[in-house]
Amino acid sequence: MPGGAGTFRERLSGPHQRGQGVGSRMHMNIANDTPSTARKPALAVIGNGMAGMRTVEELLKLAPDLYDITVFGAEPHGNYNRILLSPLLAGDKSMDDIMLNTPEWYRQHGITLHAGDPVTGIDRQRRIVRSRAGIELRYDRLLLATGSKPFIIPVPGHQLPGVIAFRDIQDVETMLAAARSHRHAVVIGGGLLGLEAANGLLRQGMDVTVVHVMDSLMERQLDKSAAVLLKKALEQKGLRFLLNAQTAEIIGAEQVTAVRFKDGTEIPADLVVMTAGVRPNIELAQQAGLHCERAIVVDDTLQTYDPRIYAVGECVQHRMATFGLVAPIWDQARVCGAHLAGAGHRRYVQQATATKLKVTGVDLYSAGDFIGGEGSEDLVLRDPRRGIYKRLVIKGPHIVGAVLYGDVKDGPWYFEMIQGRTDISALRSQLLFGQALCAQAA
């Protein structure tokens, strides 16, 4: 989660030092290239977001005094909960509500924070990182948590003022400012993030159209039956949708004014929010010569091909997979923190993941392999009048996936059975009706 951030408003003017003695000693060691025998090993963390700081928290639980820790973040904040940007935009949360680690937290734990000063280079031979502000820091261990960056569709006009992503606090502030003075918003991308952005802008009083290149919403999390119910519910809230729509151009001179599609049609736009996916942020790792494919390749300990360098979060590729949800990244943080602490008994194992849409009044939950395939079968419950849809994907005696709309209270229970590969043979006939009925039957 690139460059992480926090929720306090003031820009940090400089690092929160552990003390002038430590800071001076570290710089003296760099200059002389001769580490002091008295110093602790140095851990440099590139990325002050949720993945990197969760890893540091896990490390501190196990070995609070092992390292001198220095954190570099691209954003001028402490660490904040990026998941709560959608409620922040909608007005359901405040800046203070989404704060995770305040400046005081860094000071209390003896961590030097360079906020608003991203690392621009890694010298692996000398084990030095260099920041944009010119800081050079020698490391014994390095943690990369550079996250991902939004994919901006490279159509004509994509660089116009008023065309933004939805990735950080600055994006939220831009959207809130636009909502105060403009009317028409277009969100390109009908996935989870796009729908949350659209709902937030709608709550701020804008007329919002969601443009999606596919024929159904949230196709990575929902089957088409659930997507139809979701679209209907969001239309009743006031959102408009253009599906199977391919953006050809963003129109404007000094500011965006409209979006044109490949069929020649246009819609007005004072603000265009791109939520068409993300790409792992790996340029720094590539420049340093680390092995990268789609992302930074790590093993089961979250170690890169350089044994002194670890990586976690959206910037990593583990056994061909990349990651965008919090649950697997928290698992990575636990494993990586343990290995940095010298308690290297854990291995990262990929697990099924679950998704819940954060839109007021819409209850939606999906988990695991909800598509299914050869050898799988579906258990389906439809109640259109009550707006309820449930689909469980069964393979052998196990649930492997679930899609719930309208009634999601049993979602965590299904998810627990997916993760635990619970034998559901005896519950099969009651399974769709939930945990309470299954408990009675048992």
Protein backbone atom coordinates (compact mmCIF):
# COMPACT_ATOMS: atom_id res chain seq x y z
CA MET A 1 0.00 0.00 0.00
CA PRO A 2 2.13 2.65 -1.39
CA GLY A 3 3.70 5.18 0.85
CA GLY A 4 1.04 4.63 3.54
CA ALA A 5 -0.15 7.63 5.52
CA GLY A 6 -1.84 8.73 8.70
CA THR A 7 -4.59 10.98 9.67
CA PHE A 8 -3.06 13.91 11.44
CA ARG A 9 -3.28 16.96 9.24
CA GLU A 10 0.00 18.76 9.75
CA ARG A 11 2.84 18.02 7.36
CA LEU A 12 5.82 16.58 9.18
CA SER A 13 8.73 18.92 8.72
CA GLY A 14 11.35 16.31 9.47
CA PRO A 15 12.07 12.93 11.00
CA HIS A 16 11.03 12.02 14.53
CA GLN A 17 14.48 11.19 15.85
CA ARG A 18 15.21 8.68 18.55
CA GLY A 19 17.83 11.16 19.78
CA GLN A 20 20.64 13.18 18.28
CA GLY A 21 23.21 10.64 19.41
CA VAL A 22 21.61 7.85 17.41
CA GLY A 23 21.03 10.02 14.36
CA SER A 24 24.59 11.34 14.40
CA ARG A 25 26.05 7.88 14.91
CA MET A 26 24.12 6.44 11.99
CA HIS A 27 25.29 9.18 9.64
CA MET A 28 28.88 8.84 10.88
CA ASN A 29 28.74 5.13 10.11
CA ILE A 30 27.57 5.85 6.58
CA ALA A 31 30.27 8.39 5.99
CA ASN A 32 33.03 6.14 7.29
CA ASP A 33 31.41 2.98 5.92
CA THR A 34 32.52 1.34 9.18
CA PRO A 35 29.66 0.30 11.43
CA SER A 36 30.08 0.83 15.13
CA THR A 37 30.29 -2.36 17.12
CA ALA A 38 27.98 -0.80 19.72
CA ARG A 39 25.08 -0.01 17.45
CA LYS A 40 21.98 -2.09 16.95
CA PRO A 41 21.38 -3.53 13.50
CA ALA A 42 19.48 -1.07 11.32
CA LEU A 43 16.12 -1.89 9.75
CA ALA A 44 15.00 0.44 6.98
CA VAL A 45 11.34 0.30 5.95
CA ILE A 46 10.36 1.71 2.56
CA GLY A 47 6.64 2.42 2.66
CA ASN A 48 4.72 3.83 5.61
CA GLY A 49 1.41 2.17 4.76
CA MET A 50 -0.64 -0.57 6.33
CA ALA A 51 1.49 -3.51 5.16
CA GLY A 52 4.84 -2.10 6.23
CA MET A 53 3.72 -0.77 9.58
CA ARG A 54 1.75 -3.90 10.44
CA THR A 55 4.96 -5.85 9.86
CA VAL A 56 6.83 -3.46 12.15
CA GLU A 57 4.13 -3.91 14.81
CA GLU A 58 4.49 -7.70 14.58
CA LEU A 59 8.26 -7.34 14.89
CA LEU A 60 7.93 -5.10 17.96
CA LYS A 61 5.74 -7.69 19.69
CA LEU A 62 8.52 -10.26 19.42
CA ALA A 63 11.71 -8.19 19.58
CA PRO A 64 11.00 -4.58 20.56
CA ASP A 65 14.65 -3.62 21.06
CA LEU A 66 16.34 -5.59 18.30
CA TYR A 67 16.66 -2.88 15.60
CA ASP A 68 17.13 0.79 15.06
CA ILE A 69 14.10 1.28 12.79
CA THR A 70 13.75 4.03 10.18
CA VAL A 71 10.61 4.40 8.05
CA PHE A 72 10.35 6.32 4.78
CA GLY A 73 6.88 7.24 3.47
CA ALA A 74 5.84 9.00 0.28
CA GLU A 75 2.86 10.75 1.87
CA PRO A 76 3.24 13.59 4.40
CA HIS A 77 1.40 11.70 7.12
CA GLY A 78 1.73 8.93 9.63
CA ASN A 79 0.07 5.58 8.95
CA TYR A 80 -3.66 5.51 8.22
CA ASN A 81 -6.26 2.89 7.36
CA ARG A 82 -6.57 3.04 3.59
CA ILE A 83 -9.61 0.75 3.69
CA LEU A 84 -11.54 3.55 5.41
CA LEU A 85 -10.98 6.11 2.66
CA SER A 86 -14.43 5.23 1.27
CA PRO A 87 -16.26 6.02 4.54
CA LEU A 88 -14.09 9.15 4.84
CA LEU A 89 -15.28 10.28 1.40
CA ALA A 90 -18.88 9.43 2.24
CA GLY A 91 -18.71 11.47 5.44
CA ASP A 92 -19.13 8.47 7.75
CA LYS A 93 -15.58 8.76 9.16
CA SER A 94 -13.29 11.62 10.11
CA MET A 95 -9.53 11.91 9.63
CA ASP A 96 -9.00 11.02 13.27
CA ASP A 97 -11.15 7.90 12.85
CA ILE A 98 -8.88 6.38 10.21
CA MET A 99 -5.58 7.07 12.00
CA LEU A 100 -3.52 3.97 12.88
CA ASN A 101 -0.12 5.25 14.04
CA THR A 102 0.26 8.84 15.24
CA PRO A 103 3.58 10.75 15.37
CA GLU A 104 3.63 10.03 19.08
CA TRP A 105 3.46 6.27 18.39
CA TYR A 106 6.66 6.45 16.31
CA ARG A 107 8.40 8.43 19.06
CA GLN A 108 7.27 6.06 21.78
CA HIS A 109 8.70 3.09 19.89
CA GLY A 110 11.98 4.79 19.01
CA ILE A 111 11.22 4.81 15.28
CA THR A 112 12.55 7.52 12.98
CA LEU A 113 9.87 8.58 10.50
CA HIS A 114 10.68 10.44 7.27
CA ALA A 115 7.18 11.33 6.09
CA GLY A 116 6.78 12.88 2.66
CA ASP A 117 10.27 11.72 1.70
CA PRO A 118 10.19 8.55 -0.42
CA VAL A 119 13.26 6.45 -1.10
CA THR A 120 14.55 6.97 -4.63
CA GLY A 121 17.45 4.50 -4.72
CA ILE A 122 18.83 1.36 -3.11
CA ASP A 123 22.54 0.51 -3.19
CA ARG A 124 22.55 -3.19 -2.35
CA GLN A 125 26.33 -3.52 -2.41
CA ARG A 126 26.88 -0.83 0.21
CA ARG A 127 23.47 -1.53 1.83
CA ILE A 128 22.35 2.09 1.63
CA VAL A 129 19.00 3.67 0.79
CA ARG A 130 18.75 7.23 -0.52
CA SER A 131 15.70 9.43 -0.15
CA ARG A 132 14.37 12.21 -2.34
CA ALA A 133 15.49 14.77 0.27
CA GLY A 134 19.05 13.43 0.11
CA ILE A 135 19.06 11.31 3.27
CA GLU A 136 21.36 8.28 3.07
CA LEU A 137 20.85 5.48 5.55
CA ARG A 138 22.75 2.26 5.90
CA TYR A 139 20.70 -0.87 6.60
CA ASP A 140 21.33 -4.35 7.88
CA ARG A 141 17.82 -5.44 6.94
CA LEU A 142 15.50 -3.76 4.47
CA LEU A 143 11.71 -4.11 4.25
CA LEU A 144 9.99 -3.12 1.01
CA ALA A 145 6.32 -2.19 1.37
CA THR A 146 5.92 0.02 -1.68
CA GLY A 147 2.38 -1.19 -2.36
CA SER A 148 0.67 -0.53 -5.67
CA LYS A 149 -0.25 2.41 -7.84
CA PRO A 150 -3.53 3.03 -9.64
CA PHE A 151 -3.79 2.22 -13.32
CA ILE A 152 -4.79 5.32 -15.26
CA ILE A 153 -6.28 4.35 -18.63
CA PRO A 154 -4.02 6.09 -21.18
CA VAL A 155 -6.78 7.60 -23.30
CA PRO A 156 -6.45 11.12 -24.73
CA GLY A 157 -7.13 13.63 -21.96
CA HIS A 158 -6.17 11.37 -19.08
CA GLN A 159 -3.74 14.00 -17.77
CA LEU A 160 -6.31 16.80 -17.60
CA PRO A 161 -6.99 18.50 -14.26
CA GLY A 162 -10.00 16.81 -12.72
CA VAL A 163 -8.90 13.29 -13.68
CA ILE A 164 -7.75 11.45 -10.56
CA ALA A 165 -7.42 8.02 -8.97
CA PHE A 166 -8.89 6.94 -5.62
CA ARG A 167 -5.89 5.86 -3.65
CA ASP A 168 -4.94 8.24 -0.84
CA ILE A 169 -6.00 11.14 1.37
CA GLN A 170 -5.09 13.69 -1.29
CA ASP A 171 -7.50 12.00 -3.72
CA VAL A 172 -10.27 12.19 -1.13
CA GLU A 173 -9.57 15.87 -0.53
CA THR A 174 -9.71 16.51 -4.29
CA MET A 175 -13.07 14.74 -4.57
CA LEU A 176 -14.53 16.60 -1.61
CA ALA A 177 -13.42 19.92 -3.12
CA ALA A 178 -14.98 18.98 -6.46
CA ALA A 179 -18.25 18.05 -4.77
CA ARG A 180 -18.46 21.51 -3.21
CA SER A 181 -18.24 23.33 -6.52
CA HIS A 182 -19.16 20.92 -9.32
CA ARG A 183 -22.03 18.65 -10.25
CA HIS A 184 -21.12 15.80 -12.62
CA ALA A 185 -18.82 12.94 -11.61
CA VAL A 186 -17.86 9.95 -13.73
CA VAL A 187 -16.29 6.90 -12.11
CA ILE A 188 -14.49 4.61 -14.58
CA GLY A 189 -14.47 1.08 -13.19
CA GLY A 190 -17.35 -0.90 -11.71
CA GLY A 191 -15.35 -2.95 -9.24
CA LEU A 192 -15.38 -2.73 -5.47
CA LEU A 193 -13.34 0.46 -5.23
CA GLY A 194 -15.26 2.20 -8.01
CA LEU A 195 -18.63 1.54 -6.41
CA GLU A 196 -17.38 2.80 -3.06
CA ALA A 197 -16.05 5.98 -4.70
CA ALA A 198 -19.33 6.47 -6.57
CA ASN A 199 -21.36 6.04 -3.41
CA GLY A 200 -19.19 8.53 -1.55
CA LEU A 201 -19.52 11.17 -4.29
CA LEU A 202 -23.27 10.58 -4.41
CA ARG A 203 -23.42 11.12 -0.65
CA GLN A 204 -21.57 14.41 -1.20
CA GLY A 205 -24.31 15.60 -3.56
CA MET A 206 -22.85 14.90 -7.01
CA ASP A 207 -24.61 13.31 -9.97
CA VAL A 208 -22.58 10.13 -10.50
CA THR A 209 -22.29 7.80 -13.49
CA VAL A 210 -20.31 4.57 -13.20
CA VAL A 211 -18.71 3.41 -16.45
CA HIS A 212 -17.71 -0.22 -16.68
CA VAL A 213 -16.18 -2.10 -19.60
CA MET A 214 -17.76 -5.42 -18.55
CA ASP A 215 -21.44 -6.40 -18.67
CA SER A 216 -21.83 -6.83 -14.90
CA LEU A 217 -20.53 -5.11 -11.77
CA MET A 218 -17.81 -6.51 -9.50
CA GLU A 219 -17.23 -9.48 -11.79
CA ARG A 220 -14.21 -10.55 -9.74
CA GLN A 221 -16.31 -10.94 -6.59
CA LEU A 222 -19.87 -11.64 -7.79
CA ASP A 223 -21.70 -13.89 -10.17
CA LYS A 224 -24.12 -12.21 -12.58
CA SER A 225 -27.27 -12.91 -10.54
CA ALA A 226 -25.89 -11.09 -7.52
CA ALA A 227 -24.50 -8.31 -9.74
CA VAL A 228 -27.98 -7.64 -11.14
CA LEU A 229 -29.40 -7.24 -7.64
CA LEU A 230 -26.54 -4.95 -6.67
CA LYS A 231 -27.01 -2.73 -9.73
CA LYS A 232 -30.73 -2.39 -9.04
CA ALA A 233 -30.12 -1.43 -5.40
CA LEU A 234 -27.51 1.18 -6.32
CA GLU A 235 -29.75 2.64 -9.05
CA GLN A 236 -32.46 3.10 -6.43
CA LYS A 237 -29.95 5.16 -4.44
CA GLY A 238 -29.41 7.43 -7.43
CA LEU A 239 -26.33 6.05 -9.21
CA ARG A 240 -26.35 5.65 -12.99
CA PHE A 241 -24.50 2.91 -14.86
CA LEU A 242 -23.08 2.48 -18.34
CA LEU A 243 -22.03 -1.15 -18.83
CA ASN A 244 -20.14 -2.55 -21.82
CA ALA A 245 -18.85 1.00 -22.27
CA GLN A 246 -15.34 1.67 -23.54
CA THR A 247 -13.85 5.08 -22.80
CA ALA A 248 -12.27 6.63 -25.90
CA GLU A 249 -11.38 10.15 -24.75
CA ILE A 250 -11.61 12.54 -21.84
CA ILE A 251 -12.59 15.94 -23.19
CA GLY A 252 -11.52 19.33 -21.90
CA ALA A 253 -9.03 22.15 -22.23
CA GLU A 254 -7.91 23.48 -18.87
CA GLN A 255 -10.31 21.18 -17.02
CA VAL A 256 -12.20 17.98 -17.82
CA THR A 257 -15.69 18.67 -19.21
CA ALA A 258 -16.91 15.35 -20.66
CA VAL A 259 -16.15 11.70 -21.35
CA ARG A 260 -16.51 10.30 -24.88
CA PHE A 261 -17.00 6.61 -25.63
CA LYS A 262 -16.02 4.46 -28.57
CA ASP A 263 -19.57 4.50 -29.91
CA GLY A 264 -19.36 8.31 -30.15
CA THR A 265 -21.65 9.14 -27.25
CA GLU A 266 -20.63 11.63 -24.57
CA ILE A 267 -21.61 12.41 -21.00
CA PRO A 268 -20.73 15.56 -19.00
CA ALA A 269 -18.00 15.31 -16.38
CA ASP A 270 -16.50 17.85 -13.99
CA LEU A 271 -14.59 15.08 -12.21
CA VAL A 272 -13.34 11.73 -13.53
CA VAL A 273 -12.24 9.10 -11.01
CA MET A 274 -10.23 6.20 -12.42
CA THR A 275 -10.71 2.94 -10.50
CA ALA A 276 -9.68 0.56 -13.27
CA GLY A 277 -7.30 -1.51 -11.16
CA VAL A 278 -3.82 -1.19 -9.67
CA ARG A 279 -0.32 -2.31 -10.57
CA PRO A 280 2.34 -3.44 -8.05
CA ASN A 281 4.80 -0.63 -7.43
CA ILE A 282 8.08 -2.34 -8.25
CA GLU A 283 10.21 0.26 -10.05
CA LEU A 284 12.49 0.82 -7.05
CA ALA A 285 13.05 -2.92 -6.62
CA GLN A 286 13.74 -3.34 -10.33
CA GLN A 287 16.28 -0.51 -10.30
CA ALA A 288 18.01 -2.24 -7.39
CA GLY A 289 18.27 -5.46 -9.38
CA LEU A 290 15.85 -7.52 -7.30
CA HIS A 291 14.07 -10.34 -9.08
CA CYS A 292 10.64 -9.16 -10.20
CA GLU A 293 7.96 -10.61 -12.42
CA ARG A 294 4.50 -9.05 -12.08
CA ALA A 295 5.67 -7.97 -8.63
CA ILE A 296 8.64 -8.49 -6.30
CA VAL A 297 9.13 -12.24 -6.04
CA VAL A 298 9.28 -13.54 -2.45
CA ASP A 299 9.47 -16.98 -0.85
CA ASP A 300 7.40 -18.41 2.00
CA THR A 301 9.29 -16.22 4.52
CA LEU A 302 8.60 -13.04 2.48
CA GLN A 303 12.29 -12.85 1.68
CA THR A 304 13.39 -11.63 -1.76
CA TYR A 305 16.27 -13.12 -3.73
CA ASP A 306 18.51 -10.83 -1.64
CA PRO A 307 18.52 -12.44 1.84
CA ARG A 308 18.82 -9.05 3.55
CA ILE A 309 15.68 -7.70 1.88
CA TYR A 310 12.07 -8.64 2.65
CA ALA A 311 8.87 -7.43 0.99
CA VAL A 312 5.19 -7.47 1.99
CA GLY A 313 1.84 -6.31 0.69
CA GLU A 314 0.58 -5.33 -2.72
CA CYS A 315 4.11 -5.06 -4.15
CA VAL A 316 4.87 -8.79 -3.74
CA GLN A 317 4.33 -11.91 -5.79
CA HIS A 318 4.18 -15.18 -3.86
CA ARG A 319 3.82 -18.46 -5.75
CA MET A 320 2.56 -16.59 -8.83
CA ALA A 321 -0.14 -14.69 -6.89
CA THR A 322 -0.39 -10.97 -6.08
CA PHE A 323 -2.51 -9.45 -3.32
CA GLY A 324 -4.96 -6.60 -2.79
CA LEU A 325 -7.01 -7.52 0.27
CA VAL A 326 -6.09 -6.94 3.88
CA ALA A 327 -6.41 -10.50 5.26
CA PRO A 328 -3.54 -12.06 3.26
CA ILE A 329 -1.37 -9.00 3.84
CA TRP A 330 -1.89 -9.29 7.61
CA ASP A 331 -0.79 -12.93 7.34
CA GLN A 332 2.30 -11.82 5.44
CA ALA A 333 3.07 -9.24 8.13
CA ARG A 334 2.95 -11.89 10.88
CA VAL A 335 5.31 -14.17 9.01
CA CYS A 336 7.72 -11.44 7.94
CA GLY A 337 7.76 -9.86 11.39
CA ALA A 338 8.65 -13.20 12.95
CA HIS A 339 11.56 -13.75 10.57
CA LEU A 340 12.88 -10.22 11.07
CA ALA A 341 12.72 -10.90 14.82
CA GLY A 342 14.80 -14.05 14.43
CA ALA A 343 11.85 -16.31 15.27
CA GLY A 344 11.75 -17.81 11.81
CA HIS A 345 9.45 -20.75 12.32
CA ARG A 346 6.49 -19.42 10.32
CA ARG A 347 5.72 -19.79 6.63
CA TYR A 348 3.23 -17.79 4.61
CA VAL A 349 0.42 -19.93 3.20
CA GLN A 350 -2.19 -18.43 0.88
CA GLN A 351 -5.77 -18.72 2.11
CA ALA A 352 -9.22 -18.07 0.64
CA THR A 353 -10.30 -14.44 0.98
CA ALA A 354 -13.61 -12.68 1.59
CA THR A 355 -15.03 -9.38 0.33
CA LYS A 356 -17.72 -7.16 1.81
CA LEU A 357 -18.98 -4.07 0.02
CA LYS A 358 -18.82 -0.87 2.11
CA VAL A 359 -21.93 0.91 0.79
CA THR A 360 -24.61 2.04 3.24
CA GLY A 361 -27.74 -0.05 2.92
CA VAL A 362 -26.22 -2.68 0.63
CA ASP A 363 -25.38 -6.05 2.16
CA LEU A 364 -23.06 -8.09 0.00
CA TYR A 365 -20.49 -10.77 0.82
CA SER A 366 -18.39 -13.09 -1.31
CA ALA A 367 -15.66 -15.55 -0.40
CA GLY A 368 -13.44 -18.19 -1.93
CA ASP A 369 -13.94 -19.66 -5.41
CA PHE A 370 -17.45 -18.43 -6.24
CA ILE A 371 -17.11 -19.31 -9.95
CA GLY A 372 -16.58 -23.04 -9.53
CA GLY A 373 -15.60 -25.37 -12.34
CA GLU A 374 -15.27 -29.02 -13.25
CA GLY A 375 -16.42 -31.21 -10.38
CA SER A 376 -18.22 -28.42 -8.52
CA GLU A 377 -21.94 -27.80 -8.08
CA ASP A 378 -24.08 -24.93 -6.84
CA LEU A 379 -26.60 -24.59 -4.07
CA VAL A 380 -28.75 -21.53 -4.83
CA LEU A 381 -31.48 -19.66 -2.92
CA ARG A 382 -33.38 -16.81 -4.61
CA ASP A 383 -35.98 -14.64 -2.89
CA PRO A 384 -36.53 -11.66 -5.26
CA ARG A 385 -39.30 -10.11 -3.18
CA ARG A 386 -37.02 -9.83 -0.12
CA GLY A 387 -33.96 -9.06 -2.27
CA ILE A 388 -32.06 -12.11 -1.04
CA TYR A 389 -29.70 -14.25 -3.09
CA LYS A 390 -27.36 -16.97 -1.85
CA ARG A 391 -25.07 -19.21 -3.85
CA LEU A 392 -22.74 -21.78 -2.34
CA VAL A 393 -20.20 -23.57 -4.51
CA ILE A 394 -19.67 -27.15 -3.35
CA LYS A 395 -16.88 -29.49 -4.35
CA GLY A 396 -17.07 -32.96 -2.84
CA PRO A 397 -17.95 -32.64 0.85
CA HIS A 398 -16.64 -29.05 1.11
CA ILE A 399 -17.76 -25.49 0.48
CA VAL A 400 -15.20 -23.77 -1.75
CA GLY A 401 -17.02 -20.47 -2.43
CA ALA A 402 -19.99 -18.33 -1.42
CA VAL A 403 -21.90 -15.30 -2.75
CA LEU A 404 -24.48 -13.67 -0.47
CA TYR A 405 -26.68 -10.66 -1.20
CA GLY A 406 -29.31 -9.14 1.08
CA ASP A 407 -28.69 -11.55 3.96
CA VAL A 408 -25.00 -11.81 4.79
CA LYS A 409 -25.03 -12.67 8.49
CA ASP A 410 -23.80 -16.21 7.81
CA GLY A 411 -20.94 -15.04 5.59
CA PRO A 412 -18.21 -15.42 8.24
CA TRP A 413 -19.56 -18.88 9.11
CA TYR A 414 -19.38 -20.02 5.49
CA PHE A 415 -15.94 -18.45 5.20
CA GLU A 416 -14.75 -20.34 8.27
CA MET A 417 -15.91 -23.60 6.70
CA ILE A 418 -14.17 -22.70 3.43
CA GLN A 419 -10.89 -22.05 5.23
CA GLY A 420 -11.19 -25.10 7.46
CA ARG A 421 -12.38 -27.42 4.67
CA THR A 422 -15.24 -28.52 6.90
CA ASP A 423 -17.14 -31.65 5.84
CA ILE A 424 -20.67 -30.37 5.17
CA SER A 425 -22.21 -33.68 4.04
CA ALA A 426 -24.55 -33.92 7.03
CA LEU A 427 -25.61 -30.26 6.71
CA ARG A 428 -26.07 -30.06 2.97
CA SER A 429 -29.89 -29.88 2.90
CA GLN A 430 -30.01 -27.07 5.50
CA LEU A 431 -26.81 -25.26 4.53
CA LEU A 432 -28.41 -22.42 2.57
CA PHE A 433 -30.65 -21.53 5.51
CA GLY A 434 -27.77 -20.61 7.75
CA GLN A 435 -25.91 -21.50 10.90
CA ALA A 436 -28.87 -21.30 13.29
CA LEU A 437 -30.98 -23.83 11.40
CA CYS A 438 -28.03 -26.14 10.87
CA ALA A 439 -27.32 -26.05 14.61
CA GLN A 440 -30.92 -27.02 15.33
CA ALA A 441 -30.78 -29.85 12.83
CA ALA A 442 -27.55 -31.13 14.36
